[in-house]
Amino acid sequence: MSGDLRQVKVRYEGEVQGVGFRYTVRGIANQLGVTGGVENLNDGAVLLVAEGPEDVLKRLLMQIRVSRVGLHIVREQASWGEAQGLAGFYYR
């Protein structure tokens, strides 16, 4: 990993709960060495918070889109900011 650390928060909407979405995202994030987490929201969406170099985070988002669960995404809203120093990768 190289470059300044950034944070991206992405809200995924569609049929993203009950299809292995969080499990898949966690696997991709762990493979790329990204920190943060992924959780189901009460309204049926999923929230991803990830930190790492911007190029790695962009790769994470692309790999999610082209994964088997990417077909379930109807809408995604991303916001970028400064990394907060998250450790590990949580799954809720």
PDB file of N, CA and C in Angstrom:
ATOM      1  N   MET A   1       0.837  -1.172   0.000  1.00  0.00           N
ATOM      2  CA  MET A   1       0.000   0.000   0.000  1.00  0.00           C
ATOM      3  C   MET A   1       0.884   1.237   0.000  1.00  0.00           C
ATOM      4  N   SER A   2       0.469   2.199  -0.805  1.00  0.00           N
ATOM      5  CA  SER A   2       1.262   3.414  -0.867  1.00  0.00           C
ATOM      6  C   SER A   2       0.339   4.610  -0.954  1.00  0.00           C
ATOM      7  N   GLY A   3       0.850   5.779  -0.634  1.00  0.00           N
ATOM      8  CA  GLY A   3       0.066   6.999  -0.738  1.00  0.00           C
ATOM      9  C   GLY A   3      -0.541   7.404   0.588  1.00  0.00           C
ATOM     10  N   ASP A   4      -1.138   8.589   0.591  1.00  0.00           N
ATOM     11  CA  ASP A   4      -1.798   9.086   1.792  1.00  0.00           C
ATOM     12  C   ASP A   4      -3.044   8.261   2.085  1.00  0.00           C
ATOM     13  N   LEU A   5      -3.288   8.055   3.373  1.00  0.00           N
ATOM     14  CA  LEU A   5      -4.458   7.276   3.766  1.00  0.00           C
ATOM     15  C   LEU A   5      -5.708   8.137   3.680  1.00  0.00           C
ATOM     16  N   ARG A   6      -6.769   7.530   3.163  1.00  0.00           N
ATOM     17  CA  ARG A   6      -8.056   8.200   2.997  1.00  0.00           C
ATOM     18  C   ARG A   6      -9.145   7.318   3.588  1.00  0.00           C
ATOM     19  N   GLN A   7     -10.311   7.898   3.738  1.00  0.00           N
ATOM     20  CA  GLN A   7     -11.467   7.122   4.173  1.00  0.00           C
ATOM     21  C   GLN A   7     -12.570   7.305   3.144  1.00  0.00           C
ATOM     22  N   VAL A   8     -13.264   6.224   2.843  1.00  0.00           N
ATOM     23  CA  VAL A   8     -14.450   6.302   1.991  1.00  0.00           C
ATOM     24  C   VAL A   8     -15.602   5.632   2.730  1.00  0.00           C
ATOM     25  N   LYS A   9     -16.740   6.300   2.712  1.00  0.00           N
ATOM     26  CA  LYS A   9     -17.981   5.735   3.247  1.00  0.00           C
ATOM     27  C   LYS A   9     -18.902   5.535   2.059  1.00  0.00           C
ATOM     28  N   VAL A  10     -19.424   4.318   1.937  1.00  0.00           N
ATOM     29  CA  VAL A  10     -20.301   4.012   0.806  1.00  0.00           C
ATOM     30  C   VAL A  10     -21.578   3.373   1.322  1.00  0.00           C
ATOM     31  N   ARG A  11     -22.693   3.939   0.907  1.00  0.00           N
ATOM     32  CA  ARG A  11     -24.006   3.378   1.208  1.00  0.00           C
ATOM     33  C   ARG A  11     -24.477   2.637  -0.042  1.00  0.00           C
ATOM     34  N   TYR A  12     -24.706   1.333   0.112  1.00  0.00           N
ATOM     35  CA  TYR A  12     -25.171   0.504  -0.989  1.00  0.00           C
ATOM     36  C   TYR A  12     -26.656   0.212  -0.799  1.00  0.00           C
ATOM     37  N   GLU A  13     -27.428   0.424  -1.863  1.00  0.00           N
ATOM     38  CA  GLU A  13     -28.853   0.145  -1.832  1.00  0.00           C
ATOM     39  C   GLU A  13     -29.190  -0.877  -2.900  1.00  0.00           C
ATOM     40  N   GLY A  14     -30.277  -1.586  -2.676  1.00  0.00           N
ATOM     41  CA  GLY A  14     -30.723  -2.648  -3.561  1.00  0.00           C
ATOM     42  C   GLY A  14     -31.023  -3.866  -2.717  1.00  0.00           C
ATOM     43  N   GLU A  15     -30.931  -5.032  -3.298  1.00  0.00           N
ATOM     44  CA  GLU A  15     -31.094  -6.277  -2.534  1.00  0.00           C
ATOM     45  C   GLU A  15     -29.728  -6.679  -2.000  1.00  0.00           C
ATOM     46  N   VAL A  16     -29.229  -5.890  -1.070  1.00  0.00           N
ATOM     47  CA  VAL A  16     -27.860  -6.069  -0.590  1.00  0.00           C
ATOM     48  C   VAL A  16     -27.783  -6.746   0.782  1.00  0.00           C
ATOM     49  N   GLN A  17     -28.930  -7.088   1.360  1.00  0.00           N
ATOM     50  CA  GLN A  17     -28.921  -7.836   2.613  1.00  0.00           C
ATOM     51  C   GLN A  17     -29.431  -9.250   2.341  1.00  0.00           C
ATOM     52  N   GLY A  18     -28.799 -10.217   3.006  1.00  0.00           N
ATOM     53  CA  GLY A  18     -29.215 -11.605   2.838  1.00  0.00           C
ATOM     54  C   GLY A  18     -28.667 -12.290   1.595  1.00  0.00           C
ATOM     55  N   VAL A  19     -27.666 -11.682   0.963  1.00  0.00           N
ATOM     56  CA  VAL A  19     -27.087 -12.270  -0.252  1.00  0.00           C
ATOM     57  C   VAL A  19     -25.579 -12.497  -0.118  1.00  0.00           C
ATOM     58  N   GLY A  20     -25.043 -12.380   1.104  1.00  0.00           N
ATOM     59  CA  GLY A  20     -23.604 -12.552   1.310  1.00  0.00           C
ATOM     60  C   GLY A  20     -22.804 -11.300   1.020  1.00  0.00           C
ATOM     61  N   PHE A  21     -23.465 -10.152   0.962  1.00  0.00           N
ATOM     62  CA  PHE A  21     -22.799  -8.897   0.612  1.00  0.00           C
ATOM     63  C   PHE A  21     -21.694  -8.555   1.595  1.00  0.00           C
ATOM     64  N   ARG A  22     -22.014  -8.541   2.895  1.00  0.00           N
ATOM     65  CA  ARG A  22     -20.999  -8.168   3.902  1.00  0.00           C
ATOM     66  C   ARG A  22     -19.841  -9.150   3.910  1.00  0.00           C
ATOM     67  N   TYR A  23     -20.142 -10.427   3.800  1.00  0.00           N
ATOM     68  CA  TYR A  23     -19.106 -11.456   3.787  1.00  0.00           C
ATOM     69  C   TYR A  23     -18.158 -11.246   2.601  1.00  0.00           C
ATOM     70  N   THR A  24     -18.730 -10.977   1.434  1.00  0.00           N
ATOM     71  CA  THR A  24     -17.932 -10.754   0.233  1.00  0.00           C
ATOM     72  C   THR A  24     -17.066  -9.507   0.373  1.00  0.00           C
ATOM     73  N   VAL A  25     -17.670  -8.416   0.856  1.00  0.00           N
ATOM     74  CA  VAL A  25     -16.929  -7.159   1.030  1.00  0.00           C
ATOM     75  C   VAL A  25     -15.786  -7.340   2.022  1.00  0.00           C
ATOM     76  N   ARG A  26     -16.061  -8.024   3.117  1.00  0.00           N
ATOM     77  CA  ARG A  26     -15.006  -8.261   4.110  1.00  0.00           C
ATOM     78  C   ARG A  26     -13.850  -9.050   3.500  1.00  0.00           C
ATOM     79  N   GLY A  27     -14.156 -10.047   2.693  1.00  0.00           N
ATOM     80  CA  GLY A  27     -13.109 -10.842   2.048  1.00  0.00           C
ATOM     81  C   GLY A  27     -12.250 -10.010   1.108  1.00  0.00           C
ATOM     82  N   ILE A  28     -12.892  -9.162   0.311  1.00  0.00           N
ATOM     83  CA  ILE A  28     -12.148  -8.304  -0.617  1.00  0.00           C
ATOM     84  C   ILE A  28     -11.291  -7.318   0.165  1.00  0.00           C
ATOM     85  N   ALA A  29     -11.868  -6.704   1.205  1.00  0.00           N
ATOM     86  CA  ALA A  29     -11.141  -5.725   2.014  1.00  0.00           C
ATOM     87  C   ALA A  29      -9.926  -6.361   2.686  1.00  0.00           C
ATOM     88  N   ASN A  30     -10.113  -7.557   3.235  1.00  0.00           N
ATOM     89  CA  ASN A  30      -8.995  -8.243   3.893  1.00  0.00           C
ATOM     90  C   ASN A  30      -7.903  -8.588   2.891  1.00  0.00           C
ATOM     91  N   GLN A  31      -8.296  -8.984   1.688  1.00  0.00           N
ATOM     92  CA  GLN A  31      -7.327  -9.310   0.638  1.00  0.00           C
ATOM     93  C   GLN A  31      -6.490  -8.083   0.262  1.00  0.00           C
ATOM     94  N   LEU A  32      -7.116  -6.907   0.271  1.00  0.00           N
ATOM     95  CA  LEU A  32      -6.432  -5.671  -0.118  1.00  0.00           C
ATOM     96  C   LEU A  32      -5.743  -4.983   1.065  1.00  0.00           C
ATOM     97  N   GLY A  33      -5.945  -5.473   2.279  1.00  0.00           N
ATOM     98  CA  GLY A  33      -5.320  -4.866   3.451  1.00  0.00           C
ATOM     99  C   GLY A  33      -5.986  -3.572   3.891  1.00  0.00           C
ATOM    100  N   VAL A  34      -7.275  -3.440   3.593  1.00  0.00           N
ATOM    101  CA  VAL A  34      -8.038  -2.239   3.939  1.00  0.00           C
ATOM    102  C   VAL A  34      -8.606  -2.399   5.344  1.00  0.00           C
ATOM    103  N   THR A  35      -8.670  -1.308   6.106  1.00  0.00           N
ATOM    104  CA  THR A  35      -9.289  -1.338   7.428  1.00  0.00           C
ATOM    105  C   THR A  35     -10.656  -0.686   7.363  1.00  0.00           C
ATOM    106  N   GLY A  36     -11.462  -0.909   8.401  1.00  0.00           N
ATOM    107  CA  GLY A  36     -12.788  -0.297   8.458  1.00  0.00           C
ATOM    108  C   GLY A  36     -13.832  -1.311   8.833  1.00  0.00           C
ATOM    109  N   GLY A  37     -14.957  -1.320   8.099  1.00  0.00           N
ATOM    110  CA  GLY A  37     -16.011  -2.265   8.410  1.00  0.00           C
ATOM    111  C   GLY A  37     -17.191  -2.148   7.480  1.00  0.00           C
ATOM    112  N   VAL A  38     -18.108  -3.099   7.626  1.00  0.00           N
ATOM    113  CA  VAL A  38     -19.307  -3.149   6.808  1.00  0.00           C
ATOM    114  C   VAL A  38     -20.457  -3.606   7.698  1.00  0.00           C
ATOM    115  N   GLU A  39     -21.619  -2.962   7.538  1.00  0.00           N
ATOM    116  CA  GLU A  39     -22.758  -3.312   8.384  1.00  0.00           C
ATOM    117  C   GLU A  39     -24.081  -3.101   7.667  1.00  0.00           C
ATOM    118  N   ASN A  40     -25.058  -3.921   8.064  1.00  0.00           N
ATOM    119  CA  ASN A  40     -26.416  -3.752   7.573  1.00  0.00           C
ATOM    120  C   ASN A  40     -27.047  -2.570   8.280  1.00  0.00           C
ATOM    121  N   LEU A  41     -27.851  -1.815   7.552  1.00  0.00           N
ATOM    122  CA  LEU A  41     -28.608  -0.712   8.128  1.00  0.00           C
ATOM    123  C   LEU A  41     -30.077  -1.126   8.246  1.00  0.00           C
ATOM    124  N   ASN A  42     -30.796  -0.491   9.155  1.00  0.00           N
ATOM    125  CA  ASN A  42     -32.192  -0.849   9.412  1.00  0.00           C
ATOM    126  C   ASN A  42     -33.095  -0.657   8.203  1.00  0.00           C
ATOM    127  N   ASP A  43     -32.728   0.208   7.278  1.00  0.00           N
ATOM    128  CA  ASP A  43     -33.579   0.493   6.122  1.00  0.00           C
ATOM    129  C   ASP A  43     -33.312  -0.443   4.939  1.00  0.00           C
ATOM    130  N   GLY A  44     -32.482  -1.479   5.131  1.00  0.00           N
ATOM    131  CA  GLY A  44     -32.207  -2.446   4.072  1.00  0.00           C
ATOM    132  C   GLY A  44     -30.936  -2.184   3.283  1.00  0.00           C
ATOM    133  N   ALA A  45     -30.295  -1.054   3.532  1.00  0.00           N
ATOM    134  CA  ALA A  45     -29.036  -0.728   2.854  1.00  0.00           C
ATOM    135  C   ALA A  45     -27.864  -1.324   3.631  1.00  0.00           C
ATOM    136  N   VAL A  46     -26.685  -1.231   3.046  1.00  0.00           N
ATOM    137  CA  VAL A  46     -25.440  -1.653   3.695  1.00  0.00           C
ATOM    138  C   VAL A  46     -24.488  -0.472   3.660  1.00  0.00           C
ATOM    139  N   LEU A  47     -23.775  -0.266   4.772  1.00  0.00           N
ATOM    140  CA  LEU A  47     -22.792   0.815   4.867  1.00  0.00           C
ATOM    141  C   LEU A  47     -21.398   0.221   4.956  1.00  0.00           C
ATOM    142  N   LEU A  48     -20.524   0.696   4.080  1.00  0.00           N
ATOM    143  CA  LEU A  48     -19.114   0.342   4.105  1.00  0.00           C
ATOM    144  C   LEU A  48     -18.325   1.571   4.533  1.00  0.00           C
ATOM    145  N   VAL A  49     -17.428   1.399   5.494  1.00  0.00           N
ATOM    146  CA  VAL A  49     -16.470   2.435   5.871  1.00  0.00           C
ATOM    147  C   VAL A  49     -15.104   1.787   5.713  1.00  0.00           C
ATOM    148  N   ALA A  50     -14.263   2.361   4.853  1.00  0.00           N
ATOM    149  CA  ALA A  50     -12.969   1.745   4.574  1.00  0.00           C
ATOM    150  C   ALA A  50     -11.876   2.792   4.557  1.00  0.00           C
ATOM    151  N   GLU A  51     -10.699   2.385   5.031  1.00  0.00           N
ATOM    152  CA  GLU A  51      -9.545   3.274   5.039  1.00  0.00           C
ATOM    153  C   GLU A  51      -8.341   2.588   4.417  1.00  0.00           C
ATOM    154  N   GLY A  52      -7.555   3.400   3.714  1.00  0.00           N
ATOM    155  CA  GLY A  52      -6.346   2.923   3.069  1.00  0.00           C
ATOM    156  C   GLY A  52      -5.923   3.951   2.029  1.00  0.00           C
ATOM    157  N   PRO A  53      -4.909   3.643   1.248  1.00  0.00           N
ATOM    158  CA  PRO A  53      -4.517   4.535   0.158  1.00  0.00           C
ATOM    159  C   PRO A  53      -5.666   4.658  -0.852  1.00  0.00           C
ATOM    160  N   GLU A  54      -5.839   5.830  -1.416  1.00  0.00           N
ATOM    161  CA  GLU A  54      -6.976   6.069  -2.310  1.00  0.00           C
ATOM    162  C   GLU A  54      -7.031   5.086  -3.470  1.00  0.00           C
ATOM    163  N   ASP A  55      -5.877   4.752  -4.059  1.00  0.00           N
ATOM    164  CA  ASP A  55      -5.893   3.815  -5.182  1.00  0.00           C
ATOM    165  C   ASP A  55      -6.373   2.434  -4.756  1.00  0.00           C
ATOM    166  N   VAL A  56      -6.034   2.020  -3.549  1.00  0.00           N
ATOM    167  CA  VAL A  56      -6.474   0.714  -3.040  1.00  0.00           C
ATOM    168  C   VAL A  56      -7.971   0.760  -2.744  1.00  0.00           C
ATOM    169  N   LEU A  57      -8.450   1.867  -2.199  1.00  0.00           N
ATOM    170  CA  LEU A  57      -9.884   1.998  -1.929  1.00  0.00           C
ATOM    171  C   LEU A  57     -10.685   1.980  -3.230  1.00  0.00           C
ATOM    172  N   LYS A  58     -10.169   2.628  -4.263  1.00  0.00           N
ATOM    173  CA  LYS A  58     -10.854   2.603  -5.564  1.00  0.00           C
ATOM    174  C   LYS A  58     -10.893   1.180  -6.122  1.00  0.00           C
ATOM    175  N   ARG A  59      -9.819   0.436  -5.912  1.00  0.00           N
ATOM    176  CA  ARG A  59      -9.779  -0.966  -6.345  1.00  0.00           C
ATOM    177  C   ARG A  59     -10.817  -1.785  -5.565  1.00  0.00           C
ATOM    178  N   LEU A  60     -10.933  -1.515  -4.253  1.00  0.00           N
ATOM    179  CA  LEU A  60     -11.932  -2.182  -3.414  1.00  0.00           C
ATOM    180  C   LEU A  60     -13.338  -1.950  -3.984  1.00  0.00           C
ATOM    181  N   LEU A  61     -13.670  -0.702  -4.259  1.00  0.00           N
ATOM    182  CA  LEU A  61     -14.997  -0.371  -4.764  1.00  0.00           C
ATOM    183  C   LEU A  61     -15.262  -1.030  -6.117  1.00  0.00           C
ATOM    184  N   MET A  62     -14.262  -1.063  -6.976  1.00  0.00           N
ATOM    185  CA  MET A  62     -14.422  -1.706  -8.279  1.00  0.00           C
ATOM    186  C   MET A  62     -14.621  -3.213  -8.124  1.00  0.00           C
ATOM    187  N   GLN A  63     -13.842  -3.827  -7.246  1.00  0.00           N
ATOM    188  CA  GLN A  63     -13.973  -5.273  -7.054  1.00  0.00           C
ATOM    189  C   GLN A  63     -15.329  -5.629  -6.464  1.00  0.00           C
ATOM    190  N   ILE A  64     -15.877  -4.773  -5.614  1.00  0.00           N
ATOM    191  CA  ILE A  64     -17.230  -5.012  -5.086  1.00  0.00           C
ATOM    192  C   ILE A  64     -18.234  -4.967  -6.243  1.00  0.00           C
ATOM    193  N   ARG A  65     -18.117  -3.956  -7.115  1.00  0.00           N
ATOM    194  CA  ARG A  65     -19.047  -3.803  -8.236  1.00  0.00           C
ATOM    195  C   ARG A  65     -19.026  -5.010  -9.180  1.00  0.00           C
ATOM    196  N   VAL A  66     -17.852  -5.576  -9.420  1.00  0.00           N
ATOM    197  CA  VAL A  66     -17.755  -6.680 -10.376  1.00  0.00           C
ATOM    198  C   VAL A  66     -17.883  -8.056  -9.720  1.00  0.00           C
ATOM    199  N   SER A  67     -18.024  -8.095  -8.401  1.00  0.00           N
ATOM    200  CA  SER A  67     -18.198  -9.365  -7.693  1.00  0.00           C
ATOM    201  C   SER A  67     -19.616  -9.890  -7.912  1.00  0.00           C
ATOM    202  N   ARG A  68     -19.880 -11.090  -7.451  1.00  0.00           N
ATOM    203  CA  ARG A  68     -21.214 -11.683  -7.611  1.00  0.00           C
ATOM    204  C   ARG A  68     -22.281 -10.875  -6.890  1.00  0.00           C
ATOM    205  N   VAL A  69     -21.934 -10.183  -5.798  1.00  0.00           N
ATOM    206  CA  VAL A  69     -22.935  -9.386  -5.078  1.00  0.00           C
ATOM    207  C   VAL A  69     -23.133  -8.015  -5.709  1.00  0.00           C
ATOM    208  N   GLY A  70     -22.238  -7.632  -6.600  1.00  0.00           N
ATOM    209  CA  GLY A  70     -22.372  -6.358  -7.283  1.00  0.00           C
ATOM    210  C   GLY A  70     -23.648  -6.265  -8.102  1.00  0.00           C
ATOM    211  N   LEU A  71     -24.153  -7.406  -8.545  1.00  0.00           N
ATOM    212  CA  LEU A  71     -25.392  -7.447  -9.319  1.00  0.00           C
ATOM    213  C   LEU A  71     -26.593  -6.965  -8.510  1.00  0.00           C
ATOM    214  N   HIS A  72     -26.487  -7.018  -7.187  1.00  0.00           N
ATOM    215  CA  HIS A  72     -27.586  -6.634  -6.304  1.00  0.00           C
ATOM    216  C   HIS A  72     -27.602  -5.139  -5.992  1.00  0.00           C
ATOM    217  N   ILE A  73     -26.549  -4.421  -6.396  1.00  0.00           N
ATOM    218  CA  ILE A  73     -26.461  -2.984  -6.100  1.00  0.00           C
ATOM    219  C   ILE A  73     -27.315  -2.212  -7.099  1.00  0.00           C
ATOM    220  N   VAL A  74     -28.256  -1.435  -6.566  1.00  0.00           N
ATOM    221  CA  VAL A  74     -29.089  -0.576  -7.402  1.00  0.00           C
ATOM    222  C   VAL A  74     -28.537   0.848  -7.366  1.00  0.00           C
ATOM    223  N   ARG A  75     -28.009   1.226  -6.198  1.00  0.00           N
ATOM    224  CA  ARG A  75     -27.480   2.587  -6.033  1.00  0.00           C
ATOM    225  C   ARG A  75     -26.354   2.554  -5.018  1.00  0.00           C
ATOM    226  N   GLU A  76     -25.346   3.369  -5.254  1.00  0.00           N
ATOM    227  CA  GLU A  76     -24.278   3.529  -4.266  1.00  0.00           C
ATOM    228  C   GLU A  76     -23.943   5.008  -4.143  1.00  0.00           C
ATOM    229  N   GLN A  77     -23.785   5.446  -2.906  1.00  0.00           N
ATOM    230  CA  GLN A  77     -23.426   6.832  -2.611  1.00  0.00           C
ATOM    231  C   GLN A  77     -22.126   6.803  -1.821  1.00  0.00           C
ATOM    232  N   ALA A  78     -21.089   7.434  -2.367  1.00  0.00           N
ATOM    233  CA  ALA A  78     -19.779   7.440  -1.715  1.00  0.00           C
ATOM    234  C   ALA A  78     -19.410   8.848  -1.283  1.00  0.00           C
ATOM    235  N   SER A  79     -18.773   8.928  -0.125  1.00  0.00           N
ATOM    236  CA  SER A  79     -18.199  10.201   0.323  1.00  0.00           C
ATOM    237  C   SER A  79     -16.784   9.920   0.809  1.00  0.00           C
ATOM    238  N   TRP A  80     -15.879  10.811   0.444  1.00  0.00           N
ATOM    239  CA  TRP A  80     -14.458  10.651   0.741  1.00  0.00           C
ATOM    240  C   TRP A  80     -14.033  11.650   1.804  1.00  0.00           C
ATOM    241  N   GLY A  81     -13.069  11.238   2.638  1.00  0.00           N
ATOM    242  CA  GLY A  81     -12.533  12.127   3.657  1.00  0.00           C
ATOM    243  C   GLY A  81     -11.184  11.637   4.139  1.00  0.00           C
ATOM    244  N   GLU A  82     -10.724  12.254   5.202  1.00  0.00           N
ATOM    245  CA  GLU A  82      -9.444  11.881   5.807  1.00  0.00           C
ATOM    246  C   GLU A  82      -9.596  10.600   6.626  1.00  0.00           C
ATOM    247  N   ALA A  83      -8.567   9.774   6.627  1.00  0.00           N
ATOM    248  CA  ALA A  83      -8.564   8.556   7.431  1.00  0.00           C
ATOM    249  C   ALA A  83      -8.607   8.909   8.913  1.00  0.00           C
ATOM    250  N   GLN A  84      -9.304   8.084   9.680  1.00  0.00           N
ATOM    251  CA  GLN A  84      -9.436   8.290  11.126  1.00  0.00           C
ATOM    252  C   GLN A  84      -8.594   7.315  11.941  1.00  0.00           C
ATOM    253  N   GLY A  85      -7.838   6.469  11.275  1.00  0.00           N
ATOM    254  CA  GLY A  85      -6.974   5.522  11.982  1.00  0.00           C
ATOM    255  C   GLY A  85      -7.692   4.260  12.433  1.00  0.00           C
ATOM    256  N   LEU A  86      -8.667   3.802  11.658  1.00  0.00           N
ATOM    257  CA  LEU A  86      -9.385   2.574  11.997  1.00  0.00           C
ATOM    258  C   LEU A  86      -8.426   1.386  11.937  1.00  0.00           C
ATOM    259  N   ALA A  87      -8.676   0.404  12.802  1.00  0.00           N
ATOM    260  CA  ALA A  87      -7.857  -0.803  12.830  1.00  0.00           C
ATOM    261  C   ALA A  87      -8.754  -2.014  12.596  1.00  0.00           C
ATOM    262  N   GLY A  88      -8.226  -3.003  11.908  1.00  0.00           N
ATOM    263  CA  GLY A  88      -8.997  -4.213  11.657  1.00  0.00           C
ATOM    264  C   GLY A  88     -10.128  -3.967  10.677  1.00  0.00           C
ATOM    265  N   PHE A  89     -11.038  -4.926  10.603  1.00  0.00           N
ATOM    266  CA  PHE A  89     -12.197  -4.772   9.726  1.00  0.00           C
ATOM    267  C   PHE A  89     -13.389  -5.413  10.413  1.00  0.00           C
ATOM    268  N   TYR A  90     -14.347  -4.581  10.851  1.00  0.00           N
ATOM    269  CA  TYR A  90     -15.523  -5.101  11.552  1.00  0.00           C
ATOM    270  C   TYR A  90     -16.607  -5.519  10.572  1.00  0.00           C
ATOM    271  N   TYR A  91     -17.512  -6.337  11.063  1.00  0.00           N
ATOM    272  CA  TYR A  91     -18.579  -6.927  10.272  1.00  0.00           C
ATOM    273  C   TYR A  91     -19.793  -7.005  11.171  1.00  0.00           C
ATOM    274  N   ARG A  92     -20.828  -6.224  10.862  1.00  0.00           N
ATOM    275  CA  ARG A  92     -22.047  -6.225  11.695  1.00  0.00           C
ATOM    276  C   ARG A  92     -23.262  -6.497  10.851  1.00  0.00           C
TER     277      ARG A  92
END
